[in-house]
Amino acid sequence: MRAHLVRIGNSRGVRLPKPLIEQAGLTDVVELIVREGRIIISRVSSRRAGWAEAAARMRARGADRLLDPPTSTRFDNQEWEW
């Protein structure tokens, strides 16, 4: 599908047909990325989307362990006063 760039103040914009917006699942806020001479418009997803499921899978296979052994600091060896 071809579209024309339209002037919007000092910028330019593209009018997207409603069926394309619905098909892509776009909302009022989108992510824009320039890659190899192309502008990619995509829906915004939560930065942490899928983290809970990934953590559950790691836990299930026992891969949720610390990489380094815990080390104590002086704060571990003295009583704190609030």
Protein backbone atom coordinates (compact mmCIF):
# COMPACT_ATOMS: atom_id res chain seq x y z
CA MET A 1 0.00 0.00 0.00
CA ARG A 2 1.30 3.45 -0.84
CA ALA A 3 0.62 6.60 1.12
CA HIS A 4 1.58 10.25 0.83
CA LEU A 5 3.45 12.29 3.41
CA VAL A 6 1.31 15.20 4.56
CA ARG A 7 2.51 18.41 6.19
CA ILE A 8 1.79 18.79 9.89
CA GLY A 9 3.41 22.09 10.91
CA ASN A 10 7.16 21.72 10.34
CA SER A 11 6.86 17.93 10.35
CA ARG A 12 5.33 15.38 8.05
CA GLY A 13 2.95 12.54 8.77
CA VAL A 14 1.36 9.51 7.19
CA ARG A 15 -2.34 8.78 7.44
CA LEU A 16 -2.88 5.15 8.32
CA PRO A 17 -6.16 3.50 7.37
CA LYS A 18 -8.22 2.30 10.34
CA PRO A 19 -8.18 -1.39 9.25
CA LEU A 20 -4.34 -1.35 9.22
CA ILE A 21 -4.23 0.22 12.68
CA GLU A 22 -6.62 -2.40 14.05
CA GLN A 23 -4.83 -5.28 12.33
CA ALA A 24 -1.48 -4.19 13.82
CA GLY A 25 -3.03 -3.66 17.26
CA LEU A 26 -1.82 -0.05 17.44
CA THR A 27 -3.05 2.38 20.09
CA ASP A 28 -2.55 6.12 20.57
CA VAL A 29 1.14 5.64 21.44
CA VAL A 30 3.44 3.71 19.08
CA GLU A 31 7.12 2.81 18.91
CA LEU A 32 9.12 4.21 15.96
CA ILE A 33 12.36 2.56 14.84
CA VAL A 34 14.57 3.41 11.86
CA ARG A 35 16.31 0.36 10.43
CA GLU A 36 18.10 0.08 7.07
CA GLY A 37 16.29 2.99 5.46
CA ARG A 38 12.89 1.96 6.80
CA ILE A 39 10.65 3.41 9.47
CA ILE A 40 9.00 0.68 11.52
CA ILE A 41 5.86 1.54 13.46
CA SER A 42 4.95 -0.98 16.16
CA ARG A 43 2.74 -1.16 19.21
CA VAL A 44 4.29 -0.32 22.54
CA SER A 45 4.68 -3.27 24.85
CA SER A 46 5.53 -3.21 28.50
CA ARG A 47 9.31 -3.30 28.96
CA ARG A 48 8.86 -6.14 31.40
CA ALA A 49 6.22 -8.05 29.48
CA GLY A 50 6.82 -11.77 29.89
CA TRP A 51 9.28 -11.44 32.79
CA ALA A 52 7.01 -13.23 35.26
CA GLU A 53 6.56 -16.18 32.91
CA ALA A 54 10.30 -16.33 32.19
CA ALA A 55 11.07 -16.28 35.91
CA ALA A 56 8.58 -19.10 36.51
CA ARG A 57 10.22 -21.20 33.77
CA MET A 58 13.67 -20.55 35.28
CA ARG A 59 12.39 -21.56 38.71
CA ALA A 60 10.86 -24.74 37.31
CA ARG A 61 14.18 -25.88 35.86
CA GLY A 62 16.23 -24.69 38.86
CA ALA A 63 18.07 -22.00 36.93
CA ASP A 64 17.15 -19.12 39.23
CA ARG A 65 20.25 -19.28 41.39
CA LEU A 66 22.75 -16.49 42.07
CA LEU A 67 25.72 -16.51 39.71
CA ASP A 68 28.19 -15.48 42.42
CA PRO A 69 28.33 -16.71 46.00
CA PRO A 70 26.99 -14.18 48.52
CA THR A 71 29.64 -12.05 50.21
CA SER A 72 29.18 -10.30 53.52
CA THR A 73 29.88 -6.65 54.13
CA ARG A 74 30.44 -4.67 57.31
CA PHE A 75 26.70 -3.98 57.37
CA ASP A 76 26.05 -7.70 57.80
CA ASN A 77 28.37 -7.91 60.81
CA GLN A 78 27.10 -5.01 62.91
CA GLU A 79 23.69 -4.26 64.39
CA TRP A 80 21.80 -1.47 62.68
CA GLU A 81 20.17 1.34 64.59
CA TRP A 82 17.14 3.08 63.08
